[in-house]
Every structure is written in C-alpha cells, then in structure tokens.
Amino acid sequence: MFSLDDSGRRALLIIARKSVVEGVQCRRESALTSVPVALRSPAGAFVTLWKRKRLRGCIGQLDATSPVALVVAHCAFGAALEDPRFAPVSSEELPELEIEISVLSPSFQIVASQVIVGEHGVVISRGHYRGVLLPKVAIEQGWSAERLLDETSIKAGLPREAWREPNTCIEAFTAEVFSESDFAHPSPYAGA
C-alpha cells in the first residue's frame, strides 16, 4: 500500500466531497478532469459518511484495479446514494455530513490466529458469498479476533463460525484512515 501525505489526503477528501455533492444534487457521478500524480496509483478504498457521529452510508471497493482517486469518487457517490441500508442522502443533509476515507492495502491470505484486532480488516469468502469488515470496526465494537471473524462470516451470509471451515477463505488487509475532521479546513465543498 502506498502512503499518502497530507496533501494527498486532502485531495482525496475534496474528490469525495465533490462526488457526494454532485451525486446528491445532480444524480450523477463526478467527472474527474485532472488527477494528481500521487492519486493515480491503484488502490482499494472505502468511503464512509457520518451524520452527527452516526453511520449514514459506506461503500467500498477492495480491488486495486483503478486509480485511488477514481475509486474514492465512485465509492463516495455510492455511499451517498446506493448504500442499501439507508435512504439516499438529501441536499439538506450535506452540511451535516463528515466524510471518512479508508485507503486499503492489497488483501492477503491469512490464518485466523494471525488476525490482529485494529490492524487487520477481514474478508471472509466461500463461493459467491463474501463479507468485509474494516480494521476499525472490531475496535469500535470491542470485539476479539474471533468475534471479528464471526461477524464477518455473518456479513458474508454464512454461518457464524464458517471461518473455521477449511473451504472458507480468510483474507486480511490494512487501511490508512483519515477524515475531514483531521483537517481544519477540509474542503471547499464542506457545507455545500
């Protein structure tokens, strides 16, 4: 996983905010006209929207096949308008949203005993079933590594302890997480 400096983080937050605003106001994904060189490297990412410290939407892409700037723009649009757990974000909500981005490392196979709470996000898959939880989820929920694996199995639509079965694949990844609140003036789109 490549590391971002503050200017790269700010640029991704601006891209995400623009994508959310244009998505909500125009119902279309934001077109990126120029992408800084540092944001052209491929990486997976998740964009999480918070409203008054409560989850308002989260969409991600694990695959590192597109430039991180494009992945963030696409996921921000999806978090605002396509997360099936929530109604689409309204224009009135835009000033209340805080955007958080998780830039992901490539995933790698891991055995359950190697999962480190708070460091690893987890992917559990079997056949066409797949569940993903970000590294911070276990910390926020106070889960052990086993509970993280249980909950990821459930999210995949599998039985709670499916991760224990030999035909289930366990993968892990790390994430670089940052949000608009990390910066005094995160974006010209804040409050849009």
Foldseek 3Di string as FASTA:
>chain_A
DDDDDPVRVLVLQQLLLVQLLCCQPVVDQDDDPDDPPVQFFFWKKKKWKAFPNHTQFIDIDHDRPGGNSVRSSVRSSCRQPPRVVHHHHHPVRQLRIKMKMWTKDHKDFDQLVPDDQLFKWKWKDADPFIFTDARCVCVVVVHDSLQNQQVRCVRSVHHSVCSVDPRMTMIIIGIDMDIQVVDPHRYPSNVD
